[in-house]
Amino acid sequence: MSDAASFNGDIKVDGVVSGKNRIGGDAASIQGLGTGGNAGVFAFKYDKANFGDTERAIQIWNSSANVFKTFIVDHPLDVDKYIVHATLEGPEGAVYYRGTSQLCDGKVTISLPPYFEAFTRKEQRTIILTNIDGFDRIAVQSIDGEKIKDGKFVVVSDNPQSSQQFDWEVKAVRADGPQLQAEPNKQDLQVGGFGPYRFEIKQ
């Protein structure tokens, strides 16, 4: 006996529709129709926490929704804390940090968060510098052969009096996971989750 009902026509509900779905919680989900591949699933969620009692609180989630994803992991240095980041999409498990700084007499040292060294791999760290309101030449000065050491990096100018202001961005790969396989074969990967929150189910 099937546990699903099939209707050919319109449905009107005078009341509340509720249920379980692949997002989790009690949001109701609806299976869509598709001309090829798997049809999308739409889930209705009342997001009062973020939108209050407004029309925007009624959110529709589906597999094509372009929403950002977050990850929450244990803090590597403080057992009483989590680290919460929104993901930056790419073929690696990367994180980024950015800010604005200014040289003083042609030099400045920038400190990253105290957990940076424990949280990221030393390999493949990159730093981007962008001048603001000036054209003094600036560069990252290595420390004992490393661009970033002990969670700090140094920016210098060939102008010893430079007070150049600049934006900076650091990208690095997370140290708490394996290298990401960016193009796995579908037959080799079992996928769970919903929409942008799909994940690999370990065999």
C-alpha atoms as a PDB file:
ATOM      1  CA  MET A   1       0.000   0.000   0.000  1.00  0.00           C
ATOM      2  CA  SER A   2       1.387   3.384  -0.967  1.00  0.00           C
ATOM      3  CA  ASP A   3       1.781   6.080   1.696  1.00  0.00           C
ATOM      4  CA  ALA A   4       1.423   8.872  -0.894  1.00  0.00           C
ATOM      5  CA  ALA A   5      -1.736  10.436  -2.327  1.00  0.00           C
ATOM      6  CA  SER A   6      -1.914  11.536  -5.957  1.00  0.00           C
ATOM      7  CA  PHE A   7      -4.221  14.329  -7.168  1.00  0.00           C
ATOM      8  CA  ASN A   8      -4.914  15.368 -10.751  1.00  0.00           C
ATOM      9  CA  GLY A   9      -6.197  18.909 -10.402  1.00  0.00           C
ATOM     10  CA  ASP A  10      -6.189  21.818  -7.991  1.00  0.00           C
ATOM     11  CA  ILE A  11      -6.038  21.427  -4.216  1.00  0.00           C
ATOM     12  CA  LYS A  12      -7.404  23.979  -1.764  1.00  0.00           C
ATOM     13  CA  VAL A  13      -6.556  23.658   1.907  1.00  0.00           C
ATOM     14  CA  ASP A  14      -8.477  25.584   4.555  1.00  0.00           C
ATOM     15  CA  GLY A  15      -6.076  25.081   7.435  1.00  0.00           C
ATOM     16  CA  VAL A  16      -2.424  24.338   8.068  1.00  0.00           C
ATOM     17  CA  VAL A  17      -0.148  22.194   5.902  1.00  0.00           C
ATOM     18  CA  SER A  18       2.766  20.709   7.809  1.00  0.00           C
ATOM     19  CA  GLY A  19       5.205  17.858   7.426  1.00  0.00           C
ATOM     20  CA  LYS A  20       8.799  16.692   7.422  1.00  0.00           C
ATOM     21  CA  ASN A  21      11.298  17.373   4.666  1.00  0.00           C
ATOM     22  CA  ARG A  22      14.956  17.093   3.739  1.00  0.00           C
ATOM     23  CA  ILE A  23      15.761  20.524   5.124  1.00  0.00           C
ATOM     24  CA  GLY A  24      14.851  19.337   8.603  1.00  0.00           C
ATOM     25  CA  GLY A  25      12.217  20.607  10.988  1.00  0.00           C
ATOM     26  CA  ASP A  26       8.519  20.839  10.208  1.00  0.00           C
ATOM     27  CA  ALA A  27       8.517  22.696   6.889  1.00  0.00           C
ATOM     28  CA  ALA A  28       6.156  21.290   4.260  1.00  0.00           C
ATOM     29  CA  SER A  29       7.772  20.156   1.013  1.00  0.00           C
ATOM     30  CA  ILE A  30       6.320  19.776  -2.480  1.00  0.00           C
ATOM     31  CA  GLN A  31       7.802  17.644  -5.253  1.00  0.00           C
ATOM     32  CA  GLY A  32       7.970  19.595  -8.501  1.00  0.00           C
ATOM     33  CA  LEU A  33       7.745  18.342 -12.081  1.00  0.00           C
ATOM     34  CA  GLY A  34      10.768  18.343 -14.367  1.00  0.00           C
ATOM     35  CA  THR A  35      11.371  17.646 -18.043  1.00  0.00           C
ATOM     36  CA  GLY A  36      14.666  15.906 -17.376  1.00  0.00           C
ATOM     37  CA  GLY A  37      16.670  14.611 -14.459  1.00  0.00           C
ATOM     38  CA  ASN A  38      15.308  14.823 -10.947  1.00  0.00           C
ATOM     39  CA  ALA A  39      12.455  17.215 -10.331  1.00  0.00           C
ATOM     40  CA  GLY A  40      13.059  19.865  -7.712  1.00  0.00           C
ATOM     41  CA  VAL A  41      11.571  19.782  -4.246  1.00  0.00           C
ATOM     42  CA  PHE A  42      10.142  23.004  -2.830  1.00  0.00           C
ATOM     43  CA  ALA A  43       9.909  23.515   0.915  1.00  0.00           C
ATOM     44  CA  PHE A  44       7.960  26.237   2.688  1.00  0.00           C
ATOM     45  CA  LYS A  45       9.489  27.654   5.841  1.00  0.00           C
ATOM     46  CA  TYR A  46       8.280  30.407   8.181  1.00  0.00           C
ATOM     47  CA  ASP A  47      11.462  32.250   9.166  1.00  0.00           C
ATOM     48  CA  LYS A  48      10.269  34.473  12.009  1.00  0.00           C
ATOM     49  CA  ALA A  49      13.739  34.611  13.585  1.00  0.00           C
ATOM     50  CA  ASN A  50      15.195  36.563  10.651  1.00  0.00           C
ATOM     51  CA  PHE A  51      12.151  38.369   9.251  1.00  0.00           C
ATOM     52  CA  GLY A  52       9.693  38.731  12.158  1.00  0.00           C
ATOM     53  CA  ASP A  53       5.936  38.667  11.547  1.00  0.00           C
ATOM     54  CA  THR A  54       6.159  39.965   7.977  1.00  0.00           C
ATOM     55  CA  GLU A  55       5.361  38.614   4.521  1.00  0.00           C
ATOM     56  CA  ARG A  56       9.094  38.055   3.971  1.00  0.00           C
ATOM     57  CA  ALA A  57       9.048  35.488   6.779  1.00  0.00           C
ATOM     58  CA  ILE A  58       7.464  32.998   4.371  1.00  0.00           C
ATOM     59  CA  GLN A  59      10.469  31.529   2.600  1.00  0.00           C
ATOM     60  CA  ILE A  60      10.475  29.059  -0.318  1.00  0.00           C
ATOM     61  CA  TRP A  61      13.524  26.825  -0.556  1.00  0.00           C
ATOM     62  CA  ASN A  62      14.414  24.684  -3.542  1.00  0.00           C
ATOM     63  CA  SER A  63      17.401  23.048  -5.168  1.00  0.00           C
ATOM     64  CA  SER A  64      18.013  26.040  -7.439  1.00  0.00           C
ATOM     65  CA  ALA A  65      17.819  28.711  -4.740  1.00  0.00           C
ATOM     66  CA  ASN A  66      20.967  30.842  -4.700  1.00  0.00           C
ATOM     67  CA  VAL A  67      21.440  31.173  -0.947  1.00  0.00           C
ATOM     68  CA  PHE A  68      24.738  31.203   0.876  1.00  0.00           C
ATOM     69  CA  LYS A  69      25.741  28.266   3.035  1.00  0.00           C
ATOM     70  CA  THR A  70      27.259  28.381   6.482  1.00  0.00           C
ATOM     71  CA  PHE A  71      29.480  25.994   8.353  1.00  0.00           C
ATOM     72  CA  ILE A  72      29.786  25.669  12.121  1.00  0.00           C
ATOM     73  CA  VAL A  73      32.785  23.848  13.567  1.00  0.00           C
ATOM     74  CA  ASP A  74      34.350  23.479  16.976  1.00  0.00           C
ATOM     75  CA  HIS A  75      36.817  26.228  17.856  1.00  0.00           C
ATOM     76  CA  PRO A  76      40.338  24.723  17.605  1.00  0.00           C
ATOM     77  CA  LEU A  77      41.619  26.748  20.575  1.00  0.00           C
ATOM     78  CA  ASP A  78      38.558  27.285  22.812  1.00  0.00           C
ATOM     79  CA  VAL A  79      36.290  24.348  23.737  1.00  0.00           C
ATOM     80  CA  ASP A  80      33.520  26.741  24.803  1.00  0.00           C
ATOM     81  CA  LYS A  81      33.198  28.343  21.369  1.00  0.00           C
ATOM     82  CA  TYR A  82      32.247  27.543  17.792  1.00  0.00           C
ATOM     83  CA  ILE A  83      33.586  29.112  14.612  1.00  0.00           C
ATOM     84  CA  VAL A  84      30.763  30.186  12.291  1.00  0.00           C
ATOM     85  CA  HIS A  85      31.638  31.154   8.708  1.00  0.00           C
ATOM     86  CA  ALA A  86      29.698  31.578   5.485  1.00  0.00           C
ATOM     87  CA  THR A  87      31.325  29.608   2.696  1.00  0.00           C
ATOM     88  CA  LEU A  88      33.146  31.119  -0.260  1.00  0.00           C
ATOM     89  CA  GLU A  89      32.436  28.828  -3.221  1.00  0.00           C
ATOM     90  CA  GLY A  90      35.386  27.210  -4.955  1.00  0.00           C
ATOM     91  CA  PRO A  91      37.100  23.873  -5.698  1.00  0.00           C
ATOM     92  CA  GLU A  92      38.677  23.766  -2.233  1.00  0.00           C
ATOM     93  CA  GLY A  93      37.647  24.075   1.382  1.00  0.00           C
ATOM     94  CA  ALA A  94      38.845  27.663   1.620  1.00  0.00           C
ATOM     95  CA  VAL A  95      38.350  30.500   4.093  1.00  0.00           C
ATOM     96  CA  TYR A  96      39.088  34.186   3.705  1.00  0.00           C
ATOM     97  CA  TYR A  97      39.942  37.121   5.948  1.00  0.00           C
ATOM     98  CA  ARG A  98      40.076  40.745   4.841  1.00  0.00           C
ATOM     99  CA  GLY A  99      40.523  44.251   6.145  1.00  0.00           C
ATOM    100  CA  THR A 100      42.007  47.701   5.645  1.00  0.00           C
ATOM    101  CA  SER A 101      45.355  48.894   6.955  1.00  0.00           C
ATOM    102  CA  GLN A 102      47.904  51.679   6.508  1.00  0.00           C
ATOM    103  CA  LEU A 103      51.672  51.840   6.398  1.00  0.00           C
ATOM    104  CA  CYS A 104      53.591  53.819   8.984  1.00  0.00           C
ATOM    105  CA  ASP A 105      57.056  54.840   7.794  1.00  0.00           C
ATOM    106  CA  GLY A 106      56.807  52.334   4.964  1.00  0.00           C
ATOM    107  CA  LYS A 107      55.819  49.265   6.987  1.00  0.00           C
ATOM    108  CA  VAL A 108      52.963  47.635   8.906  1.00  0.00           C
ATOM    109  CA  THR A 109      52.354  44.251  10.557  1.00  0.00           C
ATOM    110  CA  ILE A 110      48.849  42.794  10.296  1.00  0.00           C
ATOM    111  CA  SER A 111      47.546  40.216  12.763  1.00  0.00           C
ATOM    112  CA  LEU A 112      44.991  37.609  11.707  1.00  0.00           C
ATOM    113  CA  PRO A 113      42.528  35.986  14.146  1.00  0.00           C
ATOM    114  CA  PRO A 114      44.299  34.032  16.932  1.00  0.00           C
ATOM    115  CA  TYR A 115      42.923  30.723  15.631  1.00  0.00           C
ATOM    116  CA  PHE A 116      44.232  31.238  12.075  1.00  0.00           C
ATOM    117  CA  GLU A 117      47.332  29.032  12.348  1.00  0.00           C
ATOM    118  CA  ALA A 118      45.427  26.146  13.941  1.00  0.00           C
ATOM    119  CA  PHE A 119      42.541  26.454  11.504  1.00  0.00           C
ATOM    120  CA  THR A 120      44.325  26.613   8.127  1.00  0.00           C
ATOM    121  CA  ARG A 121      47.021  24.782   6.189  1.00  0.00           C
ATOM    122  CA  LYS A 122      50.353  26.494   5.719  1.00  0.00           C
ATOM    123  CA  GLU A 123      50.379  25.569   2.030  1.00  0.00           C
ATOM    124  CA  GLN A 124      48.522  27.593  -0.613  1.00  0.00           C
ATOM    125  CA  ARG A 125      47.973  30.707   1.504  1.00  0.00           C
ATOM    126  CA  THR A 126      47.579  33.816  -0.656  1.00  0.00           C
ATOM    127  CA  ILE A 127      47.512  37.545   0.097  1.00  0.00           C
ATOM    128  CA  ILE A 128      46.040  40.274  -2.131  1.00  0.00           C
ATOM    129  CA  LEU A 129      46.823  43.970  -1.574  1.00  0.00           C
ATOM    130  CA  THR A 130      44.882  46.883  -3.129  1.00  0.00           C
ATOM    131  CA  ASN A 131      46.038  50.500  -2.843  1.00  0.00           C
ATOM    132  CA  ILE A 132      43.621  53.216  -1.674  1.00  0.00           C
ATOM    133  CA  ASP A 133      44.116  56.860  -2.731  1.00  0.00           C
ATOM    134  CA  GLY A 134      47.746  56.451  -3.689  1.00  0.00           C
ATOM    135  CA  PHE A 135      50.234  54.651  -5.876  1.00  0.00           C
ATOM    136  CA  ASP A 136      53.141  53.770  -3.572  1.00  0.00           C
ATOM    137  CA  ARG A 137      54.473  50.346  -4.423  1.00  0.00           C
ATOM    138  CA  ILE A 138      53.634  47.860  -1.665  1.00  0.00           C
ATOM    139  CA  ALA A 139      54.407  44.190  -1.200  1.00  0.00           C
ATOM    140  CA  VAL A 140      54.239  41.372   1.330  1.00  0.00           C
ATOM    141  CA  GLN A 141      57.584  40.866   3.061  1.00  0.00           C
ATOM    142  CA  SER A 142      58.227  37.230   3.940  1.00  0.00           C
ATOM    143  CA  ILE A 143      59.081  36.217   7.504  1.00  0.00           C
ATOM    144  CA  ASP A 144      61.674  33.438   7.636  1.00  0.00           C
ATOM    145  CA  GLY A 145      60.617  32.426   4.139  1.00  0.00           C
ATOM    146  CA  GLU A 146      56.878  32.395   4.914  1.00  0.00           C
ATOM    147  CA  LYS A 147      54.242  34.876   3.769  1.00  0.00           C
ATOM    148  CA  ILE A 148      52.319  34.394   7.014  1.00  0.00           C
ATOM    149  CA  LYS A 149      53.943  33.313  10.269  1.00  0.00           C
ATOM    150  CA  ASP A 150      52.378  33.001  13.711  1.00  0.00           C
ATOM    151  CA  GLY A 151      49.185  34.475  12.300  1.00  0.00           C
ATOM    152  CA  LYS A 152      50.853  37.682  11.100  1.00  0.00           C
ATOM    153  CA  PHE A 153      52.090  39.139   7.830  1.00  0.00           C
ATOM    154  CA  VAL A 154      54.136  42.237   7.006  1.00  0.00           C
ATOM    155  CA  VAL A 155      53.464  44.774   4.245  1.00  0.00           C
ATOM    156  CA  VAL A 156      56.238  47.152   3.158  1.00  0.00           C
ATOM    157  CA  SER A 157      56.895  49.855   0.572  1.00  0.00           C
ATOM    158  CA  ASP A 158      60.072  50.876  -1.226  1.00  0.00           C
ATOM    159  CA  ASN A 159      59.206  54.381  -0.017  1.00  0.00           C
ATOM    160  CA  PRO A 160      60.488  54.458   3.599  1.00  0.00           C
ATOM    161  CA  GLN A 161      58.170  57.384   4.432  1.00  0.00           C
ATOM    162  CA  SER A 162      55.074  55.806   2.927  1.00  0.00           C
ATOM    163  CA  SER A 163      51.745  56.074   4.738  1.00  0.00           C
ATOM    164  CA  GLN A 164      49.904  54.255   1.954  1.00  0.00           C
ATOM    165  CA  GLN A 165      46.449  52.953   2.888  1.00  0.00           C
ATOM    166  CA  PHE A 166      45.338  49.640   1.389  1.00  0.00           C
ATOM    167  CA  ASP A 167      42.824  46.821   1.512  1.00  0.00           C
ATOM    168  CA  TRP A 168      44.064  43.288   2.073  1.00  0.00           C
ATOM    169  CA  GLU A 169      42.613  39.822   1.651  1.00  0.00           C
ATOM    170  CA  VAL A 170      44.011  36.500   2.832  1.00  0.00           C
ATOM    171  CA  LYS A 171      42.765  33.164   1.499  1.00  0.00           C
ATOM    172  CA  ALA A 172      43.743  29.798   2.938  1.00  0.00           C
ATOM    173  CA  VAL A 173      42.590  26.169   2.929  1.00  0.00           C
ATOM    174  CA  ARG A 174      41.005  24.711   6.036  1.00  0.00           C
ATOM    175  CA  ALA A 175      43.174  22.252   7.940  1.00  0.00           C
ATOM    176  CA  ASP A 176      40.342  20.234   9.485  1.00  0.00           C
ATOM    177  CA  GLY A 177      39.281  18.256   6.416  1.00  0.00           C
ATOM    178  CA  PRO A 178      40.561  16.208   3.464  1.00  0.00           C
ATOM    179  CA  GLN A 179      41.311  17.699   0.063  1.00  0.00           C
ATOM    180  CA  LEU A 180      38.100  18.362  -1.833  1.00  0.00           C
ATOM    181  CA  GLN A 181      37.371  16.258  -4.925  1.00  0.00           C
ATOM    182  CA  ALA A 182      35.848  18.903  -7.188  1.00  0.00           C
ATOM    183  CA  GLU A 183      34.575  16.680 -10.047  1.00  0.00           C
ATOM    184  CA  PRO A 184      33.572  13.260  -8.707  1.00  0.00           C
ATOM    185  CA  ASN A 185      31.630  10.821 -10.873  1.00  0.00           C
ATOM    186  CA  LYS A 186      27.962  10.656  -9.886  1.00  0.00           C
ATOM    187  CA  GLN A 187      28.131   6.872  -9.601  1.00  0.00           C
ATOM    188  CA  ASP A 188      30.876   7.218  -6.993  1.00  0.00           C
ATOM    189  CA  LEU A 189      29.070   9.710  -4.775  1.00  0.00           C
ATOM    190  CA  GLN A 190      25.964   9.285  -2.639  1.00  0.00           C
ATOM    191  CA  VAL A 191      24.374  12.670  -2.004  1.00  0.00           C
ATOM    192  CA  GLY A 192      22.080  13.679   0.847  1.00  0.00           C
ATOM    193  CA  GLY A 193      20.577  16.941   1.974  1.00  0.00           C
ATOM    194  CA  PHE A 194      18.490  19.521   0.164  1.00  0.00           C
ATOM    195  CA  GLY A 195      19.198  22.320  -2.298  1.00  0.00           C
ATOM    196  CA  PRO A 196      22.389  24.233  -1.473  1.00  0.00           C
ATOM    197  CA  TYR A 197      22.858  22.082   1.625  1.00  0.00           C
ATOM    198  CA  ARG A 198      23.688  18.896  -0.225  1.00  0.00           C
ATOM    199  CA  PHE A 199      26.441  16.785   1.258  1.00  0.00           C
ATOM    200  CA  GLU A 200      28.303  13.559   0.652  1.00  0.00           C
ATOM    201  CA  ILE A 201      27.014  10.502   2.498  1.00  0.00           C
ATOM    202  CA  LYS A 202      29.985   8.376   3.472  1.00  0.00           C
ATOM    203  CA  GLN A 203      29.660   4.749   2.421  1.00  0.00           C
END
